[in-house]
PDB file of N, CA and C in Angstrom:
ATOM      1  N   GLU A   1       0.809  -1.206   0.000  1.00  0.00           N
ATOM      2  CA  GLU A   1       0.000   0.000   0.000  1.00  0.00           C
ATOM      3  C   GLU A   1       0.845   1.259   0.000  1.00  0.00           C
ATOM      4  N   LYS A   2       2.101   1.143   0.319  1.00  0.00           N
ATOM      5  CA  LYS A   2       2.965   2.327   0.381  1.00  0.00           C
ATOM      6  C   LYS A   2       3.418   2.788  -1.002  1.00  0.00           C
ATOM      7  N   ALA A   3       3.185   1.976  -2.009  1.00  0.00           N
ATOM      8  CA  ALA A   3       3.581   2.348  -3.368  1.00  0.00           C
ATOM      9  C   ALA A   3       2.421   3.055  -4.059  1.00  0.00           C
ATOM     10  N   PRO A   4       2.738   3.981  -4.964  1.00  0.00           N
ATOM     11  CA  PRO A   4       1.678   4.644  -5.726  1.00  0.00           C
ATOM     12  C   PRO A   4       0.843   3.617  -6.486  1.00  0.00           C
ATOM     13  N   SER A   5      -0.428   3.900  -6.661  1.00  0.00           N
ATOM     14  CA  SER A   5      -1.369   3.082  -7.433  1.00  0.00           C
ATOM     15  C   SER A   5      -1.783   1.792  -6.751  1.00  0.00           C
ATOM     16  N   ILE A   6      -1.244   1.512  -5.575  1.00  0.00           N
ATOM     17  CA  ILE A   6      -1.560   0.239  -4.922  1.00  0.00           C
ATOM     18  C   ILE A   6      -2.396   0.501  -3.683  1.00  0.00           C
ATOM     19  N   GLY A   7      -3.643   0.090  -3.771  1.00  0.00           N
ATOM     20  CA  GLY A   7      -4.561   0.224  -2.657  1.00  0.00           C
ATOM     21  C   GLY A   7      -4.615  -1.061  -1.841  1.00  0.00           C
ATOM     22  N   PRO A   8      -5.485  -1.100  -0.829  1.00  0.00           N
ATOM     23  CA  PRO A   8      -5.551  -2.259   0.064  1.00  0.00           C
ATOM     24  C   PRO A   8      -5.868  -3.581  -0.645  1.00  0.00           C
ATOM     25  N   LYS A   9      -6.801  -3.581  -1.584  1.00  0.00           N
ATOM     26  CA  LYS A   9      -7.158  -4.829  -2.268  1.00  0.00           C
ATOM     27  C   LYS A   9      -6.004  -5.344  -3.124  1.00  0.00           C
ATOM     28  N   THR A  10      -5.370  -4.441  -3.857  1.00  0.00           N
ATOM     29  CA  THR A  10      -4.235  -4.846  -4.684  1.00  0.00           C
ATOM     30  C   THR A  10      -3.077  -5.298  -3.814  1.00  0.00           C
ATOM     31  N   ALA A  11      -2.858  -4.612  -2.693  1.00  0.00           N
ATOM     32  CA  ALA A  11      -1.785  -5.001  -1.781  1.00  0.00           C
ATOM     33  C   ALA A  11      -1.994  -6.430  -1.284  1.00  0.00           C
ATOM     34  N   LYS A  12      -3.217  -6.773  -0.932  1.00  0.00           N
ATOM     35  CA  LYS A  12      -3.512  -8.140  -0.472  1.00  0.00           C
ATOM     36  C   LYS A  12      -3.237  -9.159  -1.579  1.00  0.00           C
ATOM     37  N   THR A  13      -3.630  -8.814  -2.802  1.00  0.00           N
ATOM     38  CA  THR A  13      -3.385  -9.699  -3.941  1.00  0.00           C
ATOM     39  C   THR A  13      -1.887  -9.902  -4.143  1.00  0.00           C
ATOM     40  N   LEU A  14      -1.117  -8.816  -4.063  1.00  0.00           N
ATOM     41  CA  LEU A  14       0.337  -8.914  -4.234  1.00  0.00           C
ATOM     42  C   LEU A  14       0.982  -9.691  -3.093  1.00  0.00           C
ATOM     43  N   GLU A  15       0.491  -9.492  -1.878  1.00  0.00           N
ATOM     44  CA  GLU A  15       1.038 -10.218  -0.730  1.00  0.00           C
ATOM     45  C   GLU A  15       0.904 -11.727  -0.904  1.00  0.00           C
ATOM     46  N   ARG A  16      -0.192 -12.159  -1.510  1.00  0.00           N
ATOM     47  CA  ARG A  16      -0.383 -13.602  -1.737  1.00  0.00           C
ATOM     48  C   ARG A  16       0.666 -14.160  -2.704  1.00  0.00           C
ATOM     49  N   ARG A  17       1.316 -13.296  -3.458  1.00  0.00           N
ATOM     50  CA  ARG A  17       2.376 -13.704  -4.387  1.00  0.00           C
ATOM     51  C   ARG A  17       3.760 -13.323  -3.873  1.00  0.00           C
ATOM     52  N   GLY A  18       3.861 -12.972  -2.599  1.00  0.00           N
ATOM     53  CA  GLY A  18       5.163 -12.713  -1.989  1.00  0.00           C
ATOM     54  C   GLY A  18       5.656 -11.285  -2.079  1.00  0.00           C
ATOM     55  N   VAL A  19       4.830 -10.374  -2.549  1.00  0.00           N
ATOM     56  CA  VAL A  19       5.223  -8.957  -2.652  1.00  0.00           C
ATOM     57  C   VAL A  19       4.639  -8.249  -1.431  1.00  0.00           C
ATOM     58  N   HIS A  20       5.491  -8.046  -0.412  1.00  0.00           N
ATOM     59  CA  HIS A  20       5.047  -7.465   0.859  1.00  0.00           C
ATOM     60  C   HIS A  20       5.523  -6.032   1.061  1.00  0.00           C
ATOM     61  N   THR A  21       6.588  -5.652   0.366  1.00  0.00           N
ATOM     62  CA  THR A  21       7.192  -4.334   0.564  1.00  0.00           C
ATOM     63  C   THR A  21       7.449  -3.670  -0.785  1.00  0.00           C
ATOM     64  N   VAL A  22       7.765  -2.385  -0.750  1.00  0.00           N
ATOM     65  CA  VAL A  22       8.141  -1.679  -1.973  1.00  0.00           C
ATOM     66  C   VAL A  22       9.396  -2.323  -2.563  1.00  0.00           C
ATOM     67  N   ALA A  23      10.326  -2.717  -1.715  1.00  0.00           N
ATOM     68  CA  ALA A  23      11.544  -3.386  -2.200  1.00  0.00           C
ATOM     69  C   ALA A  23      11.192  -4.679  -2.932  1.00  0.00           C
ATOM     70  N   ASP A  24      10.229  -5.425  -2.410  1.00  0.00           N
ATOM     71  CA  ASP A  24       9.774  -6.644  -3.102  1.00  0.00           C
ATOM     72  C   ASP A  24       9.216  -6.297  -4.476  1.00  0.00           C
ATOM     73  N   LEU A  25       8.417  -5.248  -4.544  1.00  0.00           N
ATOM     74  CA  LEU A  25       7.837  -4.821  -5.818  1.00  0.00           C
ATOM     75  C   LEU A  25       8.931  -4.446  -6.812  1.00  0.00           C
ATOM     76  N   LEU A  26       9.925  -3.716  -6.350  1.00  0.00           N
ATOM     77  CA  LEU A  26      11.007  -3.295  -7.234  1.00  0.00           C
ATOM     78  C   LEU A  26      11.829  -4.475  -7.746  1.00  0.00           C
ATOM     79  N   ALA A  27      11.813  -5.582  -7.007  1.00  0.00           N
ATOM     80  CA  ALA A  27      12.609  -6.754  -7.379  1.00  0.00           C
ATOM     81  C   ALA A  27      11.890  -7.720  -8.319  1.00  0.00           C
ATOM     82  N   VAL A  28      10.578  -7.593  -8.482  1.00  0.00           N
ATOM     83  CA  VAL A  28       9.838  -8.567  -9.287  1.00  0.00           C
ATOM     84  C   VAL A  28      10.064  -8.362 -10.783  1.00  0.00           C
ATOM     85  N   GLU A  29       9.904  -9.443 -11.511  1.00  0.00           N
ATOM     86  CA  GLU A  29       9.868  -9.398 -12.966  1.00  0.00           C
ATOM     87  C   GLU A  29       8.400  -9.203 -13.348  1.00  0.00           C
ATOM     88  N   PRO A  30       8.040  -8.086 -13.977  1.00  0.00           N
ATOM     89  CA  PRO A  30       6.643  -7.805 -14.282  1.00  0.00           C
ATOM     90  C   PRO A  30       5.925  -8.914 -15.052  1.00  0.00           C
ATOM     91  N   GLU A  31       6.595  -9.488 -16.043  1.00  0.00           N
ATOM     92  CA  GLU A  31       5.954 -10.533 -16.841  1.00  0.00           C
ATOM     93  C   GLU A  31       5.630 -11.755 -15.984  1.00  0.00           C
ATOM     94  N   GLN A  32       6.561 -12.152 -15.138  1.00  0.00           N
ATOM     95  CA  GLN A  32       6.364 -13.326 -14.281  1.00  0.00           C
ATOM     96  C   GLN A  32       5.230 -13.080 -13.282  1.00  0.00           C
ATOM     97  N   LEU A  33       5.250 -11.926 -12.630  1.00  0.00           N
ATOM     98  CA  LEU A  33       4.213 -11.628 -11.647  1.00  0.00           C
ATOM     99  C   LEU A  33       2.841 -11.544 -12.314  1.00  0.00           C
ATOM    100  N   ALA A  34       2.772 -10.923 -13.476  1.00  0.00           N
ATOM    101  CA  ALA A  34       1.493 -10.828 -14.190  1.00  0.00           C
ATOM    102  C   ALA A  34       0.954 -12.216 -14.510  1.00  0.00           C
ATOM    103  N   MET A  35       1.829 -13.095 -14.936  1.00  0.00           N
ATOM    104  CA  MET A  35       1.411 -14.454 -15.245  1.00  0.00           C
ATOM    105  C   MET A  35       0.897 -15.163 -13.985  1.00  0.00           C
ATOM    106  N   GLU A  36       1.600 -14.984 -12.878  1.00  0.00           N
ATOM    107  CA  GLU A  36       1.188 -15.607 -11.619  1.00  0.00           C
ATOM    108  C   GLU A  36      -0.149 -15.053 -11.125  1.00  0.00           C
ATOM    109  N   LEU A  37      -0.364 -13.759 -11.307  1.00  0.00           N
ATOM    110  CA  LEU A  37      -1.599 -13.131 -10.838  1.00  0.00           C
ATOM    111  C   LEU A  37      -2.797 -13.548 -11.691  1.00  0.00           C
ATOM    112  N   GLY A  38      -2.580 -13.684 -12.989  1.00  0.00           N
ATOM    113  CA  GLY A  38      -3.645 -14.094 -13.884  1.00  0.00           C
ATOM    114  C   GLY A  38      -4.847 -13.155 -13.887  1.00  0.00           C
ATOM    115  N   ASP A  39      -4.584 -11.869 -13.725  1.00  0.00           N
ATOM    116  CA  ASP A  39      -5.644 -10.854 -13.688  1.00  0.00           C
ATOM    117  C   ASP A  39      -5.358  -9.847 -14.795  1.00  0.00           C
ATOM    118  N   ARG A  40      -6.261  -9.731 -15.749  1.00  0.00           N
ATOM    119  CA  ARG A  40      -6.000  -8.854 -16.902  1.00  0.00           C
ATOM    120  C   ARG A  40      -5.812  -7.396 -16.510  1.00  0.00           C
ATOM    121  N   ARG A  41      -6.298  -6.997 -15.320  1.00  0.00           N
ATOM    122  CA  ARG A  41      -6.121  -5.609 -14.873  1.00  0.00           C
ATOM    123  C   ARG A  41      -4.719  -5.371 -14.338  1.00  0.00           C
ATOM    124  N   MET A  42      -3.992  -6.444 -14.068  1.00  0.00           N
ATOM    125  CA  MET A  42      -2.630  -6.337 -13.549  1.00  0.00           C
ATOM    126  C   MET A  42      -1.680  -7.024 -14.515  1.00  0.00           C
ATOM    127  N   ASP A  43      -1.580  -6.453 -15.715  1.00  0.00           N
ATOM    128  CA  ASP A  43      -0.692  -7.039 -16.717  1.00  0.00           C
ATOM    129  C   ASP A  43       0.743  -6.542 -16.493  1.00  0.00           C
ATOM    130  N   ALA A  44       1.662  -7.053 -17.279  1.00  0.00           N
ATOM    131  CA  ALA A  44       3.078  -6.713 -17.112  1.00  0.00           C
ATOM    132  C   ALA A  44       3.334  -5.212 -17.267  1.00  0.00           C
ATOM    133  N   ASN A  45       2.625  -4.560 -18.180  1.00  0.00           N
ATOM    134  CA  ASN A  45       2.821  -3.116 -18.362  1.00  0.00           C
ATOM    135  C   ASN A  45       2.378  -2.336 -17.133  1.00  0.00           C
ATOM    136  N   THR A  46       1.263  -2.732 -16.540  1.00  0.00           N
ATOM    137  CA  THR A  46       0.771  -2.070 -15.332  1.00  0.00           C
ATOM    138  C   THR A  46       1.756  -2.257 -14.185  1.00  0.00           C
ATOM    139  N   ILE A  47       2.236  -3.477 -14.030  1.00  0.00           N
ATOM    140  CA  ILE A  47       3.196  -3.763 -12.951  1.00  0.00           C
ATOM    141  C   ILE A  47       4.479  -2.979 -13.169  1.00  0.00           C
ATOM    142  N   GLN A  48       4.942  -2.870 -14.411  1.00  0.00           N
ATOM    143  CA  GLN A  48       6.140  -2.078 -14.694  1.00  0.00           C
ATOM    144  C   GLN A  48       5.905  -0.611 -14.344  1.00  0.00           C
ATOM    145  N   ASP A  49       4.730  -0.085 -14.668  1.00  0.00           N
ATOM    146  CA  ASP A  49       4.402   1.294 -14.290  1.00  0.00           C
ATOM    147  C   ASP A  49       4.467   1.465 -12.779  1.00  0.00           C
ATOM    148  N   TRP A  50       3.913   0.498 -12.031  1.00  0.00           N
ATOM    149  CA  TRP A  50       3.967   0.568 -10.568  1.00  0.00           C
ATOM    150  C   TRP A  50       5.409   0.618 -10.082  1.00  0.00           C
ATOM    151  N   LYS A  51       6.271  -0.179 -10.721  1.00  0.00           N
ATOM    152  CA  LYS A  51       7.685  -0.185 -10.332  1.00  0.00           C
ATOM    153  C   LYS A  51       8.329   1.177 -10.583  1.00  0.00           C
ATOM    154  N   TRP A  52       8.068   1.747 -11.776  1.00  0.00           N
ATOM    155  CA  TRP A  52       8.642   3.070 -12.080  1.00  0.00           C
ATOM    156  C   TRP A  52       8.119   4.124 -11.109  1.00  0.00           C
ATOM    157  N   GLN A  53       6.832   4.087 -10.804  1.00  0.00           N
ATOM    158  CA  GLN A  53       6.257   5.047  -9.859  1.00  0.00           C
ATOM    159  C   GLN A  53       6.912   4.913  -8.489  1.00  0.00           C
ATOM    160  N   ALA A  54       7.054   3.693  -8.018  1.00  0.00           N
ATOM    161  CA  ALA A  54       7.664   3.455  -6.705  1.00  0.00           C
ATOM    162  C   ALA A  54       9.113   3.918  -6.684  1.00  0.00           C
ATOM    163  N   GLU A  55       9.843   3.615  -7.749  1.00  0.00           N
ATOM    164  CA  GLU A  55      11.240   4.036  -7.802  1.00  0.00           C
ATOM    165  C   GLU A  55      11.365   5.562  -7.813  1.00  0.00           C
ATOM    166  N   LEU A  56      10.499   6.230  -8.553  1.00  0.00           N
ATOM    167  CA  LEU A  56      10.517   7.695  -8.540  1.00  0.00           C
ATOM    168  C   LEU A  56      10.283   8.224  -7.126  1.00  0.00           C
ATOM    169  N   CYS A  57       9.314   7.665  -6.427  1.00  0.00           N
ATOM    170  CA  CYS A  57       9.026   8.120  -5.059  1.00  0.00           C
ATOM    171  C   CYS A  57      10.197   7.857  -4.119  1.00  0.00           C
ATOM    172  N   CYS A  58      10.937   6.779  -4.394  1.00  0.00           N
ATOM    173  CA  CYS A  58      12.089   6.432  -3.551  1.00  0.00           C
ATOM    174  C   CYS A  58      13.321   7.274  -3.858  1.00  0.00           C
ATOM    175  N   THR A  59      13.388   7.854  -5.056  1.00  0.00           N
ATOM    176  CA  THR A  59      14.612   8.554  -5.460  1.00  0.00           C
ATOM    177  C   THR A  59      14.463  10.058  -5.639  1.00  0.00           C
ATOM    178  N   VAL A  60      13.245  10.555  -5.683  1.00  0.00           N
ATOM    179  CA  VAL A  60      13.023  11.997  -5.831  1.00  0.00           C
ATOM    180  C   VAL A  60      12.453  12.517  -4.510  1.00  0.00           C
ATOM    181  N   PRO A  61      13.232  13.293  -3.776  1.00  0.00           N
ATOM    182  CA  PRO A  61      12.766  13.779  -2.467  1.00  0.00           C
ATOM    183  C   PRO A  61      11.422  14.496  -2.562  1.00  0.00           C
ATOM    184  N   GLN A  62      10.544  14.164  -1.636  1.00  0.00           N
ATOM    185  CA  GLN A  62       9.237  14.800  -1.454  1.00  0.00           C
ATOM    186  C   GLN A  62       8.271  14.598  -2.626  1.00  0.00           C
ATOM    187  N   LEU A  63       8.582  13.686  -3.540  1.00  0.00           N
ATOM    188  CA  LEU A  63       7.658  13.395  -4.630  1.00  0.00           C
ATOM    189  C   LEU A  63       6.493  12.577  -4.077  1.00  0.00           C
ATOM    190  N   ARG A  64       5.289  13.010  -4.374  1.00  0.00           N
ATOM    191  CA  ARG A  64       4.102  12.303  -3.904  1.00  0.00           C
ATOM    192  C   ARG A  64       3.688  11.255  -4.925  1.00  0.00           C
ATOM    193  N   GLY A  65       2.940  10.269  -4.446  1.00  0.00           N
ATOM    194  CA  GLY A  65       2.536   9.154  -5.288  1.00  0.00           C
ATOM    195  C   GLY A  65       1.781   9.559  -6.536  1.00  0.00           C
ATOM    196  N   HIS A  66       0.829  10.471  -6.376  1.00  0.00           N
ATOM    197  CA  HIS A  66       0.071  10.859  -7.574  1.00  0.00           C
ATOM    198  C   HIS A  66       0.936  11.634  -8.560  1.00  0.00           C
ATOM    199  N   ASP A  67       1.944  12.338  -8.059  1.00  0.00           N
ATOM    200  CA  ASP A  67       2.873  13.018  -8.966  1.00  0.00           C
ATOM    201  C   ASP A  67       3.688  11.989  -9.757  1.00  0.00           C
ATOM    202  N   ALA A  68       4.095  10.910  -9.099  1.00  0.00           N
ATOM    203  CA  ALA A  68       4.828   9.844  -9.785  1.00  0.00           C
ATOM    204  C   ALA A  68       3.946   9.199 -10.853  1.00  0.00           C
ATOM    205  N   GLN A  69       2.656   9.057 -10.573  1.00  0.00           N
ATOM    206  CA  GLN A  69       1.733   8.500 -11.562  1.00  0.00           C
ATOM    207  C   GLN A  69       1.688   9.387 -12.809  1.00  0.00           C
ATOM    208  N   PHE A  70       1.591  10.693 -12.617  1.00  0.00           N
ATOM    209  CA  PHE A  70       1.578  11.625 -13.747  1.00  0.00           C
ATOM    210  C   PHE A  70       2.881  11.554 -14.537  1.00  0.00           C
ATOM    211  N   LEU A  71       4.003  11.513 -13.823  1.00  0.00           N
ATOM    212  CA  LEU A  71       5.294  11.471 -14.507  1.00  0.00           C
ATOM    213  C   LEU A  71       5.433  10.225 -15.372  1.00  0.00           C
ATOM    214  N   VAL A  72       5.070   9.077 -14.816  1.00  0.00           N
ATOM    215  CA  VAL A  72       5.171   7.836 -15.587  1.00  0.00           C
ATOM    216  C   VAL A  72       4.226   7.881 -16.786  1.00  0.00           C
ATOM    217  N   ALA A  73       3.049   8.454 -16.609  1.00  0.00           N
ATOM    218  CA  ALA A  73       2.116   8.593 -17.730  1.00  0.00           C
ATOM    219  C   ALA A  73       2.708   9.480 -18.833  1.00  0.00           C
ATOM    220  N   CYS A  74       3.586  10.394 -18.440  1.00  0.00           N
ATOM    221  CA  CYS A  74       4.259  11.279 -19.405  1.00  0.00           C
ATOM    222  C   CYS A  74       5.600  10.701 -19.861  1.00  0.00           C
ATOM    223  N   GLU A  75       5.815   9.433 -19.570  1.00  0.00           N
ATOM    224  CA  GLU A  75       7.013   8.698 -19.971  1.00  0.00           C
ATOM    225  C   GLU A  75       8.293   9.203 -19.316  1.00  0.00           C
ATOM    226  N   ILE A  76       8.169   9.744 -18.109  1.00  0.00           N
ATOM    227  CA  ILE A  76       9.332  10.083 -17.282  1.00  0.00           C
ATOM    228  C   ILE A  76       9.381   9.005 -16.211  1.00  0.00           C
ATOM    229  N   ARG A  77      10.414   8.162 -16.293  1.00  0.00           N
ATOM    230  CA  ARG A  77      10.421   6.940 -15.490  1.00  0.00           C
ATOM    231  C   ARG A  77      11.574   6.834 -14.516  1.00  0.00           C
ATOM    232  N   SER A  78      12.392   7.859 -14.432  1.00  0.00           N
ATOM    233  CA  SER A  78      13.524   7.820 -13.499  1.00  0.00           C
ATOM    234  C   SER A  78      13.862   9.235 -13.062  1.00  0.00           C
ATOM    235  N   ALA A  79      14.610   9.317 -11.976  1.00  0.00           N
ATOM    236  CA  ALA A  79      15.043  10.632 -11.489  1.00  0.00           C
ATOM    237  C   ALA A  79      15.931  11.316 -12.538  1.00  0.00           C
ATOM    238  N   ALA A  80      16.750  10.549 -13.247  1.00  0.00           N
ATOM    239  CA  ALA A  80      17.608  11.126 -14.285  1.00  0.00           C
ATOM    240  C   ALA A  80      16.781  11.702 -15.425  1.00  0.00           C
ATOM    241  N   GLU A  81      15.728  10.969 -15.840  1.00  0.00           N
ATOM    242  CA  GLU A  81      14.860  11.497 -16.904  1.00  0.00           C
ATOM    243  C   GLU A  81      14.136  12.758 -16.435  1.00  0.00           C
ATOM    244  N   LEU A  82      13.735  12.788 -15.183  1.00  0.00           N
ATOM    245  CA  LEU A  82      13.069  13.979 -14.645  1.00  0.00           C
ATOM    246  C   LEU A  82      14.030  15.155 -14.626  1.00  0.00           C
ATOM    247  N   ALA A  83      15.256  14.908 -14.210  1.00  0.00           N
ATOM    248  CA  ALA A  83      16.258  15.991 -14.129  1.00  0.00           C
ATOM    249  C   ALA A  83      16.580  16.577 -15.498  1.00  0.00           C
ATOM    250  N   SER A  84      16.502  15.747 -16.527  1.00  0.00           N
ATOM    251  CA  SER A  84      16.862  16.242 -17.863  1.00  0.00           C
ATOM    252  C   SER A  84      15.647  16.679 -18.681  1.00  0.00           C
ATOM    253  N   ALA A  85      14.450  16.543 -18.110  1.00  0.00           N
ATOM    254  CA  ALA A  85      13.227  16.908 -18.843  1.00  0.00           C
ATOM    255  C   ALA A  85      13.112  18.426 -18.984  1.00  0.00           C
ATOM    256  N   SER A  86      12.553  18.835 -20.091  1.00  0.00           N
ATOM    257  CA  SER A  86      12.331  20.250 -20.351  1.00  0.00           C
ATOM    258  C   SER A  86      10.912  20.620 -19.917  1.00  0.00           C
ATOM    259  N   ALA A  87      10.803  21.704 -19.188  1.00  0.00           N
ATOM    260  CA  ALA A  87       9.477  22.183 -18.793  1.00  0.00           C
ATOM    261  C   ALA A  87       8.681  22.642 -20.017  1.00  0.00           C
ATOM    262  N   GLN A  88       9.346  22.938 -21.085  1.00  0.00           N
ATOM    263  CA  GLN A  88       8.694  23.416 -22.306  1.00  0.00           C
ATOM    264  C   GLN A  88       8.199  22.286 -23.192  1.00  0.00           C
ATOM    265  N   ALA A  89       8.727  21.081 -22.983  1.00  0.00           N
ATOM    266  CA  ALA A  89       8.317  19.936 -23.829  1.00  0.00           C
ATOM    267  C   ALA A  89       6.841  19.678 -23.633  1.00  0.00           C
ATOM    268  N   GLY A  90       6.169  19.316 -24.693  1.00  0.00           N
ATOM    269  CA  GLY A  90       4.757  19.217 -24.551  1.00  0.00           C
ATOM    270  C   GLY A  90       4.127  18.013 -25.018  1.00  0.00           C
TER     271      GLY A  90
END
């Protein structure tokens, strides 16, 4: 639940597959976890987005979860990409 986009129900589902912490989430292979979950709403792309969001929150001071969601939606997936992004790019 501490990761962006992950609420209580999803957290319980992930816990049943051994994902208990943000570190666990960052360590998973999205394709493998998606296959194990067998839920079309939690496909490999969604899980990868969750990983990028969590990593952004862990590496960008004071970044909030919903801000990480917006950044990943805009294809900014790391602190380095954020640092080099242009405010003028549209």
